[in-house]
Amino acid sequence: MKILLIGANGEIGKILNPELVKNHEIISAGRNSGDFRIDLSDSHSIEKLFEEVKNIDACLCVAGDCYTGDLHSLDEEKLNIGIKNKLLGQINLVLIGQKYLNDNGSFTLTSGKMADKPVKNNISKSIVNGGINSFVLAASLELERGIRINAISPGKVSDIPIYDLVQAYAKSIEETLNGQIIKVNY
């Protein structure tokens, strides 16, 4: 299977890439590293990436910035960091990528535990992660050509056994799940 891994050099990507490459062809993309460059906050950059990478069976995104800070420091500009990069970036991957993904392909997005279990000083992450989960649930009802979509919602990555994290992403990619929020290490 040919997988486009966005964020391959990030915290989760560095865990997934060496594991997934054992069974799949991995094409990596990132803001500053990888086989291709992508800026998730720019829909033109997303379109360019999909035009350059052909025959994709799965698109897996483990990238996207988000502001961390308390309610009193939060403003529209800081909130938009996560909205533009992580939330809209992943939504645009699907909106644009659905035209390019192979029939019966899949999208795997990444949200996070704070969608369900917020913690102090992370309101932006809670909003963005919840939005990703809601998008996945709704988009799974309308994608065509057998294309599937799921989200992985991990807890703190440093606390998750590598095997559990890899298995969650592999399950989304390799099985026939659709419209699932796969929670890891809550």
N, C-alpha and C. Protein backbone atom coordinates (compact mmCIF):
# COMPACT_ATOMS: atom_id res chain seq x y z
N MET A 1 0.84 -1.17 0.00
CA MET A 1 0.00 0.00 0.00
C MET A 1 0.89 1.24 0.00
N LYS A 2 0.52 2.24 -0.78
CA LYS A 2 1.29 3.50 -0.85
C LYS A 2 0.63 4.50 0.08
N ILE A 3 1.39 4.92 1.10
CA ILE A 3 0.86 5.80 2.14
C ILE A 3 1.59 7.14 2.12
N LEU A 4 0.82 8.22 2.09
CA LEU A 4 1.36 9.56 2.24
C LEU A 4 1.30 9.90 3.72
N LEU A 5 2.47 10.04 4.34
CA LEU A 5 2.58 10.33 5.77
C LEU A 5 2.99 11.79 5.95
N ILE A 6 2.05 12.59 6.43
CA ILE A 6 2.30 14.01 6.63
C ILE A 6 2.67 14.23 8.10
N GLY A 7 3.84 14.80 8.30
CA GLY A 7 4.37 14.97 9.65
C GLY A 7 5.30 13.84 10.04
N ALA A 8 5.96 13.25 9.06
CA ALA A 8 6.80 12.07 9.30
C ALA A 8 7.97 12.35 10.22
N ASN A 9 8.38 13.60 10.32
CA ASN A 9 9.53 13.93 11.17
C ASN A 9 9.12 14.48 12.53
N GLY A 10 7.82 14.49 12.82
CA GLY A 10 7.34 14.95 14.11
C GLY A 10 7.38 13.85 15.15
N GLU A 11 6.87 14.14 16.32
CA GLU A 11 6.92 13.20 17.44
C GLU A 11 6.26 11.85 17.11
N ILE A 12 5.06 11.88 16.57
CA ILE A 12 4.36 10.63 16.22
C ILE A 12 4.92 10.05 14.92
N GLY A 13 5.21 10.91 13.96
CA GLY A 13 5.74 10.45 12.67
C GLY A 13 7.03 9.67 12.80
N LYS A 14 7.90 10.09 13.71
CA LYS A 14 9.17 9.38 13.92
C LYS A 14 8.95 7.98 14.49
N ILE A 15 7.83 7.78 15.16
CA ILE A 15 7.49 6.45 15.68
C ILE A 15 6.86 5.60 14.58
N LEU A 16 5.95 6.20 13.82
CA LEU A 16 5.20 5.45 12.81
C LEU A 16 6.02 5.08 11.58
N ASN A 17 6.80 6.03 11.07
CA ASN A 17 7.49 5.82 9.80
C ASN A 17 8.30 4.53 9.76
N PRO A 18 9.19 4.27 10.72
CA PRO A 18 9.99 3.05 10.64
C PRO A 18 9.16 1.77 10.78
N GLU A 19 8.03 1.86 11.44
CA GLU A 19 7.16 0.68 11.60
C GLU A 19 6.33 0.43 10.35
N LEU A 20 5.73 1.48 9.81
CA LEU A 20 4.87 1.32 8.64
C LEU A 20 5.65 0.95 7.38
N VAL A 21 6.90 1.42 7.29
CA VAL A 21 7.70 1.14 6.10
C VAL A 21 8.03 -0.35 5.96
N LYS A 22 7.86 -1.11 7.04
CA LYS A 22 8.09 -2.56 6.98
C LYS A 22 7.09 -3.26 6.07
N ASN A 23 5.88 -2.71 5.95
CA ASN A 23 4.83 -3.35 5.17
C ASN A 23 4.25 -2.50 4.05
N HIS A 24 4.67 -1.24 3.98
CA HIS A 24 4.06 -0.32 3.04
C HIS A 24 5.12 0.59 2.41
N GLU A 25 4.77 1.19 1.28
CA GLU A 25 5.60 2.22 0.68
C GLU A 25 5.19 3.55 1.33
N ILE A 26 6.13 4.24 1.95
CA ILE A 26 5.83 5.49 2.65
C ILE A 26 6.42 6.66 1.87
N ILE A 27 5.55 7.62 1.57
CA ILE A 27 5.97 8.90 0.99
C ILE A 27 5.81 9.92 2.12
N SER A 28 6.89 10.57 2.50
CA SER A 28 6.83 11.50 3.64
C SER A 28 6.70 12.94 3.16
N ALA A 29 5.97 13.72 3.96
CA ALA A 29 5.81 15.14 3.66
C ALA A 29 5.80 15.91 4.96
N GLY A 30 6.36 17.09 4.94
CA GLY A 30 6.38 17.93 6.12
C GLY A 30 6.69 19.37 5.77
N ARG A 31 6.58 20.21 6.76
CA ARG A 31 6.85 21.64 6.55
C ARG A 31 8.31 21.87 6.18
N ASN A 32 9.23 21.15 6.85
CA ASN A 32 10.66 21.38 6.64
C ASN A 32 11.46 20.14 6.28
N SER A 33 10.79 18.99 6.20
CA SER A 33 11.52 17.75 5.92
C SER A 33 10.61 16.76 5.21
N GLY A 34 11.22 15.67 4.74
CA GLY A 34 10.47 14.64 4.06
C GLY A 34 10.72 14.65 2.56
N ASP A 35 10.04 13.75 1.87
CA ASP A 35 10.17 13.65 0.41
C ASP A 35 9.56 14.86 -0.28
N PHE A 36 8.51 15.43 0.33
CA PHE A 36 7.80 16.58 -0.22
C PHE A 36 7.54 17.59 0.88
N ARG A 37 7.35 18.85 0.50
CA ARG A 37 7.03 19.91 1.46
C ARG A 37 5.54 20.21 1.41
N ILE A 38 4.98 20.54 2.59
CA ILE A 38 3.58 20.92 2.69
C ILE A 38 3.40 21.89 3.84
N ASP A 39 2.56 22.89 3.61
CA ASP A 39 2.14 23.82 4.64
C ASP A 39 0.65 23.57 4.84
N LEU A 40 0.29 22.94 5.94
CA LEU A 40 -1.11 22.58 6.17
C LEU A 40 -2.03 23.79 6.25
N SER A 41 -1.50 24.96 6.55
CA SER A 41 -2.34 26.15 6.66
C SER A 41 -2.62 26.77 5.29
N ASP A 42 -2.08 26.19 4.22
CA ASP A 42 -2.22 26.75 2.88
C ASP A 42 -2.84 25.70 1.94
N SER A 43 -4.07 25.92 1.53
CA SER A 43 -4.75 24.94 0.67
C SER A 43 -4.05 24.76 -0.67
N HIS A 44 -3.36 25.80 -1.16
CA HIS A 44 -2.61 25.66 -2.42
C HIS A 44 -1.44 24.69 -2.25
N SER A 45 -0.81 24.72 -1.10
CA SER A 45 0.28 23.80 -0.81
C SER A 45 -0.23 22.36 -0.74
N ILE A 46 -1.41 22.18 -0.17
CA ILE A 46 -2.02 20.84 -0.10
C ILE A 46 -2.34 20.33 -1.49
N GLU A 47 -2.95 21.18 -2.31
CA GLU A 47 -3.29 20.80 -3.69
C GLU A 47 -2.03 20.43 -4.47
N LYS A 48 -0.97 21.23 -4.31
CA LYS A 48 0.29 20.97 -5.01
C LYS A 48 0.86 19.61 -4.62
N LEU A 49 0.79 19.29 -3.33
CA LEU A 49 1.30 18.00 -2.87
C LEU A 49 0.54 16.84 -3.53
N PHE A 50 -0.78 16.92 -3.53
CA PHE A 50 -1.56 15.84 -4.14
C PHE A 50 -1.36 15.75 -5.65
N GLU A 51 -1.06 16.86 -6.29
CA GLU A 51 -0.76 16.84 -7.73
C GLU A 51 0.59 16.16 -8.00
N GLU A 52 1.53 16.30 -7.05
CA GLU A 52 2.87 15.74 -7.23
C GLU A 52 2.96 14.27 -6.87
N VAL A 53 2.21 13.85 -5.86
CA VAL A 53 2.28 12.46 -5.40
C VAL A 53 1.12 11.69 -6.02
N LYS A 54 1.40 10.70 -6.78
CA LYS A 54 0.37 9.94 -7.51
C LYS A 54 0.09 8.59 -6.85
N ASN A 55 -1.08 8.05 -7.14
CA ASN A 55 -1.45 6.68 -6.71
C ASN A 55 -1.38 6.46 -5.21
N ILE A 56 -2.01 7.33 -4.45
CA ILE A 56 -1.99 7.22 -2.99
C ILE A 56 -3.15 6.33 -2.54
N ASP A 57 -2.83 5.33 -1.73
CA ASP A 57 -3.86 4.46 -1.15
C ASP A 57 -4.35 4.96 0.20
N ALA A 58 -3.47 5.65 0.92
CA ALA A 58 -3.84 6.15 2.24
C ALA A 58 -3.10 7.44 2.51
N CYS A 59 -3.80 8.38 3.15
CA CYS A 59 -3.20 9.64 3.59
C CYS A 59 -3.32 9.67 5.11
N LEU A 60 -2.18 9.78 5.75
CA LEU A 60 -2.12 9.76 7.21
C LEU A 60 -1.50 11.07 7.68
N CYS A 61 -2.20 11.81 8.52
CA CYS A 61 -1.69 13.09 8.98
C CYS A 61 -1.43 13.07 10.48
N VAL A 62 -0.19 13.34 10.86
CA VAL A 62 0.21 13.45 12.26
C VAL A 62 0.89 14.80 12.50
N ALA A 63 0.37 15.83 11.81
CA ALA A 63 0.96 17.16 11.88
C ALA A 63 -0.11 18.19 12.23
N GLY A 64 0.35 19.33 12.68
CA GLY A 64 -0.54 20.45 12.93
C GLY A 64 -0.23 21.14 14.25
N ASP A 65 0.05 22.42 14.17
CA ASP A 65 0.37 23.22 15.35
C ASP A 65 -0.89 23.63 16.10
N CYS A 66 -0.72 23.91 17.39
CA CYS A 66 -1.84 24.36 18.22
C CYS A 66 -1.26 25.17 19.39
N TYR A 67 -1.97 26.22 19.79
CA TYR A 67 -1.54 27.07 20.89
C TYR A 67 -1.79 26.40 22.24
N THR A 68 -0.84 26.54 23.15
CA THR A 68 -1.00 26.08 24.53
C THR A 68 -0.93 27.29 25.45
N GLY A 69 -1.97 27.46 26.25
CA GLY A 69 -2.00 28.57 27.18
C GLY A 69 -3.36 28.65 27.86
N ASP A 70 -3.43 29.44 28.93
CA ASP A 70 -4.66 29.51 29.70
C ASP A 70 -5.73 30.36 29.01
N LEU A 71 -6.93 30.31 29.56
CA LEU A 71 -8.07 31.02 29.00
C LEU A 71 -7.81 32.52 28.90
N HIS A 72 -7.15 33.09 29.88
CA HIS A 72 -6.92 34.53 29.91
C HIS A 72 -5.91 34.99 28.86
N SER A 73 -5.05 34.11 28.42
CA SER A 73 -4.08 34.48 27.38
C SER A 73 -4.60 34.18 25.98
N LEU A 74 -5.71 33.44 25.89
CA LEU A 74 -6.25 33.03 24.60
C LEU A 74 -6.96 34.19 23.91
N ASP A 75 -6.65 34.40 22.65
CA ASP A 75 -7.36 35.38 21.84
C ASP A 75 -7.56 34.77 20.45
N GLU A 76 -8.21 35.51 19.58
CA GLU A 76 -8.53 34.98 18.26
C GLU A 76 -7.28 34.57 17.49
N GLU A 77 -6.25 35.38 17.56
CA GLU A 77 -5.01 35.08 16.83
C GLU A 77 -4.39 33.76 17.30
N LYS A 78 -4.33 33.57 18.61
CA LYS A 78 -3.75 32.34 19.16
C LYS A 78 -4.63 31.13 18.87
N LEU A 79 -5.94 31.32 18.96
CA LEU A 79 -6.86 30.23 18.64
C LEU A 79 -6.74 29.82 17.17
N ASN A 80 -6.53 30.80 16.31
CA ASN A 80 -6.41 30.51 14.88
C ASN A 80 -5.17 29.71 14.51
N ILE A 81 -4.17 29.68 15.38
CA ILE A 81 -2.99 28.84 15.10
C ILE A 81 -3.44 27.40 14.92
N GLY A 82 -4.18 26.88 15.88
CA GLY A 82 -4.66 25.51 15.79
C GLY A 82 -5.75 25.31 14.77
N ILE A 83 -6.61 26.30 14.64
CA ILE A 83 -7.70 26.19 13.67
C ILE A 83 -7.14 26.12 12.25
N LYS A 84 -6.22 27.03 11.91
CA LYS A 84 -5.67 27.04 10.55
C LYS A 84 -4.75 25.86 10.27
N ASN A 85 -3.90 25.52 11.24
CA ASN A 85 -2.90 24.48 10.99
C ASN A 85 -3.45 23.07 11.18
N LYS A 86 -3.97 22.80 12.36
CA LYS A 86 -4.36 21.42 12.66
C LYS A 86 -5.77 21.09 12.19
N LEU A 87 -6.75 21.94 12.52
CA LEU A 87 -8.13 21.63 12.17
C LEU A 87 -8.40 21.82 10.68
N LEU A 88 -8.29 23.03 10.18
CA LEU A 88 -8.56 23.26 8.76
C LEU A 88 -7.53 22.57 7.87
N GLY A 89 -6.29 22.46 8.35
CA GLY A 89 -5.28 21.76 7.57
C GLY A 89 -5.69 20.32 7.30
N GLN A 90 -6.14 19.62 8.33
CA GLN A 90 -6.54 18.22 8.15
C GLN A 90 -7.85 18.12 7.38
N ILE A 91 -8.77 19.05 7.63
CA ILE A 91 -10.02 19.06 6.86
C ILE A 91 -9.72 19.27 5.38
N ASN A 92 -8.84 20.23 5.07
CA ASN A 92 -8.49 20.48 3.66
C ASN A 92 -7.75 19.31 3.02
N LEU A 93 -7.00 18.55 3.81
CA LEU A 93 -6.39 17.33 3.25
C LEU A 93 -7.46 16.42 2.68
N VAL A 94 -8.57 16.31 3.39
CA VAL A 94 -9.66 15.44 2.94
C VAL A 94 -10.44 16.08 1.80
N LEU A 95 -10.80 17.35 1.96
CA LEU A 95 -11.59 18.03 0.92
C LEU A 95 -10.85 18.04 -0.42
N ILE A 96 -9.56 18.30 -0.39
CA ILE A 96 -8.76 18.32 -1.62
C ILE A 96 -8.34 16.90 -2.00
N GLY A 97 -7.85 16.16 -1.03
CA GLY A 97 -7.28 14.84 -1.30
C GLY A 97 -8.27 13.80 -1.80
N GLN A 98 -9.55 13.96 -1.50
CA GLN A 98 -10.54 12.97 -1.95
C GLN A 98 -10.59 12.87 -3.48
N LYS A 99 -10.17 13.93 -4.17
CA LYS A 99 -10.15 13.92 -5.64
C LYS A 99 -8.96 13.10 -6.16
N TYR A 100 -7.95 12.92 -5.34
CA TYR A 100 -6.70 12.30 -5.77
C TYR A 100 -6.50 10.89 -5.22
N LEU A 101 -7.06 10.60 -4.07
CA LEU A 101 -6.86 9.31 -3.42
C LEU A 101 -7.42 8.18 -4.29
N ASN A 102 -6.76 7.05 -4.30
CA ASN A 102 -7.26 5.89 -5.05
C ASN A 102 -8.61 5.44 -4.51
N ASP A 103 -9.40 4.79 -5.36
CA ASP A 103 -10.65 4.19 -4.91
C ASP A 103 -10.36 3.28 -3.72
N ASN A 104 -11.27 3.24 -2.76
CA ASN A 104 -11.15 2.42 -1.54
C ASN A 104 -9.96 2.82 -0.68
N GLY A 105 -9.49 4.04 -0.85
CA GLY A 105 -8.39 4.54 -0.04
C GLY A 105 -8.89 5.00 1.33
N SER A 106 -7.98 5.56 2.11
CA SER A 106 -8.39 6.02 3.44
C SER A 106 -7.62 7.25 3.88
N PHE A 107 -8.28 8.03 4.71
CA PHE A 107 -7.66 9.14 5.41
C PHE A 107 -7.62 8.78 6.89
N THR A 108 -6.50 9.04 7.51
CA THR A 108 -6.38 8.90 8.97
C THR A 108 -5.87 10.22 9.50
N LEU A 109 -6.73 10.89 10.26
CA LEU A 109 -6.38 12.17 10.85
C LEU A 109 -5.97 11.95 12.31
N THR A 110 -5.40 12.97 12.92
CA THR A 110 -4.98 12.86 14.31
C THR A 110 -5.62 13.99 15.11
N SER A 111 -6.36 13.61 16.14
CA SER A 111 -6.94 14.59 17.05
C SER A 111 -6.17 14.49 18.36
N GLY A 112 -6.84 14.14 19.44
CA GLY A 112 -6.14 13.99 20.71
C GLY A 112 -7.09 13.88 21.87
N LYS A 113 -6.58 13.38 22.95
CA LYS A 113 -7.35 13.10 24.16
C LYS A 113 -8.11 14.32 24.69
N MET A 114 -7.56 15.51 24.48
CA MET A 114 -8.19 16.70 25.04
C MET A 114 -9.53 17.03 24.41
N ALA A 115 -9.90 16.35 23.33
CA ALA A 115 -11.24 16.52 22.77
C ALA A 115 -12.28 16.03 23.77
N ASP A 116 -11.93 14.99 24.50
CA ASP A 116 -12.84 14.36 25.46
C ASP A 116 -12.49 14.67 26.91
N LYS A 117 -11.21 14.90 27.15
CA LYS A 117 -10.74 15.10 28.52
C LYS A 117 -9.84 16.34 28.58
N PRO A 118 -10.46 17.53 28.55
CA PRO A 118 -9.65 18.76 28.58
C PRO A 118 -8.85 18.88 29.87
N VAL A 119 -7.74 19.58 29.76
CA VAL A 119 -6.92 19.90 30.92
C VAL A 119 -6.66 21.41 30.90
N LYS A 120 -6.35 21.96 32.05
CA LYS A 120 -6.08 23.40 32.15
C LYS A 120 -5.00 23.82 31.16
N ASN A 121 -5.15 25.02 30.67
CA ASN A 121 -4.18 25.65 29.78
C ASN A 121 -4.12 25.03 28.38
N ASN A 122 -5.17 24.32 27.99
CA ASN A 122 -5.19 23.68 26.67
C ASN A 122 -6.56 23.80 25.99
N ILE A 123 -7.23 24.93 26.18
CA ILE A 123 -8.55 25.12 25.58
C ILE A 123 -8.49 25.01 24.07
N SER A 124 -7.48 25.60 23.46
CA SER A 124 -7.35 25.58 22.01
C SER A 124 -7.25 24.13 21.50
N LYS A 125 -6.46 23.32 22.17
CA LYS A 125 -6.32 21.91 21.76
C LYS A 125 -7.64 21.17 21.90
N SER A 126 -8.39 21.46 22.94
CA SER A 126 -9.69 20.82 23.13
C SER A 126 -10.64 21.16 21.98
N ILE A 127 -10.69 22.44 21.63
CA ILE A 127 -11.56 22.90 20.54
C ILE A 127 -11.16 22.24 19.22
N VAL A 128 -9.90 22.30 18.89
CA VAL A 128 -9.41 21.78 17.61
C VAL A 128 -9.59 20.26 17.53
N ASN A 129 -9.21 19.54 18.58
CA ASN A 129 -9.34 18.08 18.56
C ASN A 129 -10.80 17.65 18.46
N GLY A 130 -11.67 18.34 19.17
CA GLY A 130 -13.09 18.04 19.09
C GLY A 130 -13.64 18.29 17.69
N GLY A 131 -13.16 19.36 17.06
CA GLY A 131 -13.58 19.66 15.69
C GLY A 131 -13.14 18.59 14.70
N ILE A 132 -11.93 18.09 14.87
CA ILE A 132 -11.44 17.02 13.99
C ILE A 132 -12.31 15.77 14.15
N ASN A 133 -12.60 15.40 15.39
CA ASN A 133 -13.44 14.23 15.62
C ASN A 133 -14.81 14.39 14.99
N SER A 134 -15.42 15.56 15.15
CA SER A 134 -16.74 15.80 14.57
C SER A 134 -16.69 15.75 13.05
N PHE A 135 -15.63 16.31 12.47
CA PHE A 135 -15.49 16.26 11.01
C PHE A 135 -15.41 14.83 10.51
N VAL A 136 -14.61 14.01 11.19
CA VAL A 136 -14.46 12.61 10.79
C VAL A 136 -15.80 11.88 10.82
N LEU A 137 -16.55 12.07 11.91
CA LEU A 137 -17.85 11.41 12.03
C LEU A 137 -18.79 11.82 10.89
N ALA A 138 -18.82 13.10 10.56
CA ALA A 138 -19.72 13.59 9.51
C ALA A 138 -19.22 13.23 8.10
N ALA A 139 -17.92 13.42 7.84
CA ALA A 139 -17.37 13.15 6.51
C ALA A 139 -17.47 11.68 6.13
N SER A 140 -17.39 10.80 7.13
CA SER A 140 -17.46 9.36 6.84
C SER A 140 -18.79 8.98 6.21
N LEU A 141 -19.81 9.79 6.39
CA LEU A 141 -21.13 9.52 5.83
C LEU A 141 -21.24 9.92 4.37
N GLU A 142 -20.27 10.72 3.88
CA GLU A 142 -20.43 11.28 2.54
C GLU A 142 -19.29 11.02 1.57
N LEU A 143 -18.16 10.52 2.04
CA LEU A 143 -17.07 10.25 1.10
C LEU A 143 -17.51 9.19 0.10
N GLU A 144 -17.05 9.34 -1.13
CA GLU A 144 -17.45 8.44 -2.22
C GLU A 144 -16.30 7.54 -2.65
N ARG A 145 -16.58 6.66 -3.59
CA ARG A 145 -15.61 5.73 -4.19
C ARG A 145 -14.99 4.78 -3.16
N GLY A 146 -15.71 4.52 -2.08
CA GLY A 146 -15.21 3.59 -1.07
C GLY A 146 -14.14 4.17 -0.16
N ILE A 147 -13.93 5.47 -0.24
CA ILE A 147 -12.92 6.12 0.60
C ILE A 147 -13.41 6.18 2.04
N ARG A 148 -12.52 5.83 2.95
CA ARG A 148 -12.82 5.81 4.39
C ARG A 148 -12.07 6.93 5.10
N ILE A 149 -12.56 7.26 6.31
CA ILE A 149 -11.88 8.26 7.14
C ILE A 149 -12.04 7.89 8.60
N ASN A 150 -10.94 8.01 9.35
CA ASN A 150 -10.93 7.77 10.79
C ASN A 150 -10.00 8.79 11.45
N ALA A 151 -10.09 8.89 12.75
CA ALA A 151 -9.16 9.73 13.52
C ALA A 151 -8.55 8.90 14.63
N ILE A 152 -7.28 9.13 14.86
CA ILE A 152 -6.61 8.56 16.02
C ILE A 152 -6.57 9.67 17.06
N SER A 153 -7.00 9.33 18.27
CA SER A 153 -7.04 10.29 19.37
C SER A 153 -6.13 9.78 20.49
N PRO A 154 -4.84 10.13 20.40
CA PRO A 154 -3.91 9.62 21.42
C PRO A 154 -3.88 10.48 22.67
N GLY A 155 -3.52 9.83 23.77
CA GLY A 155 -3.18 10.55 24.99
C GLY A 155 -1.77 11.11 24.81
N LYS A 156 -1.12 11.44 25.90
CA LYS A 156 0.24 11.97 25.83
C LYS A 156 1.16 10.92 25.21
N VAL A 157 1.78 11.27 24.11
CA VAL A 157 2.54 10.30 23.31
C VAL A 157 3.65 9.64 24.12
N SER A 158 4.32 10.38 24.98
CA SER A 158 5.42 9.80 25.75
C SER A 158 4.94 8.73 26.74
N ASP A 159 3.64 8.69 27.02
CA ASP A 159 3.08 7.70 27.94
C ASP A 159 2.48 6.49 27.23
N ILE A 160 2.46 6.51 25.91
CA ILE A 160 1.81 5.44 25.14
C ILE A 160 2.86 4.42 24.71
N PRO A 161 2.61 3.13 24.96
CA PRO A 161 3.52 2.12 24.41
C PRO A 161 3.55 2.25 22.88
N ILE A 162 4.74 2.20 22.31
CA ILE A 162 4.90 2.35 20.87
C ILE A 162 4.01 1.38 20.12
N TYR A 163 3.95 0.14 20.57
CA TYR A 163 3.14 -0.88 19.91
C TYR A 163 1.68 -0.43 19.81
N ASP A 164 1.13 0.11 20.90
CA ASP A 164 -0.28 0.53 20.91
C ASP A 164 -0.52 1.67 19.92
N LEU A 165 0.40 2.61 19.87
CA LEU A 165 0.25 3.74 18.96
C LEU A 165 0.31 3.28 17.50
N VAL A 166 1.29 2.47 17.18
CA VAL A 166 1.44 1.96 15.81
C VAL A 166 0.22 1.13 15.42
N GLN A 167 -0.26 0.29 16.31
CA GLN A 167 -1.41 -0.56 16.01
C GLN A 167 -2.67 0.26 15.74
N ALA A 168 -2.84 1.36 16.44
CA ALA A 168 -4.02 2.21 16.21
C ALA A 168 -4.00 2.77 14.79
N TYR A 169 -2.86 3.29 14.35
CA TYR A 169 -2.77 3.83 12.99
C TYR A 169 -2.87 2.71 11.95
N ALA A 170 -2.23 1.59 12.20
CA ALA A 170 -2.31 0.46 11.26
C ALA A 170 -3.74 -0.03 11.13
N LYS A 171 -4.46 -0.08 12.23
CA LYS A 171 -5.86 -0.52 12.21
C LYS A 171 -6.69 0.40 11.30
N SER A 172 -6.49 1.69 11.42
CA SER A 172 -7.23 2.64 10.60
C SER A 172 -6.91 2.48 9.12
N ILE A 173 -5.65 2.24 8.83
CA ILE A 173 -5.20 2.14 7.44
C ILE A 173 -5.55 0.78 6.82
N GLU A 174 -5.29 -0.29 7.55
CA GLU A 174 -5.35 -1.64 6.97
C GLU A 174 -6.70 -2.32 7.10
N GLU A 175 -7.52 -1.92 8.05
CA GLU A 175 -8.82 -2.55 8.22
C GLU A 175 -9.89 -1.72 7.52
N THR A 176 -11.14 -2.15 7.59
CA THR A 176 -12.21 -1.46 6.86
C THR A 176 -13.00 -0.49 7.72
N LEU A 177 -12.42 -0.04 8.81
CA LEU A 177 -13.10 0.91 9.69
C LEU A 177 -13.40 2.21 8.95
N ASN A 178 -14.54 2.82 9.30
CA ASN A 178 -14.89 4.10 8.71
C ASN A 178 -15.67 4.90 9.75
N GLY A 179 -15.28 6.17 9.90
CA GLY A 179 -15.98 7.04 10.83
C GLY A 179 -15.71 6.74 12.28
N GLN A 180 -14.53 6.21 12.57
CA GLN A 180 -14.18 5.82 13.94
C GLN A 180 -13.18 6.80 14.54
N ILE A 181 -13.34 7.05 15.83
CA ILE A 181 -12.36 7.80 16.61
C ILE A 181 -11.66 6.75 17.47
N ILE A 182 -10.44 6.42 17.12
CA ILE A 182 -9.71 5.36 17.81
C ILE A 182 -8.89 6.01 18.93
N LYS A 183 -9.29 5.73 20.15
CA LYS A 183 -8.65 6.31 21.34
C LYS A 183 -7.49 5.43 21.79
N VAL A 184 -6.36 6.07 22.08
CA VAL A 184 -5.16 5.34 22.47
C VAL A 184 -4.65 5.90 23.80
N ASN A 185 -4.62 5.06 24.80
CA ASN A 185 -4.03 5.39 26.11
C ASN A 185 -4.72 6.55 26.81
N TYR A 186 -6.01 6.41 26.98
CA TYR A 186 -6.74 7.44 27.74
C TYR A 186 -6.53 7.17 29.17
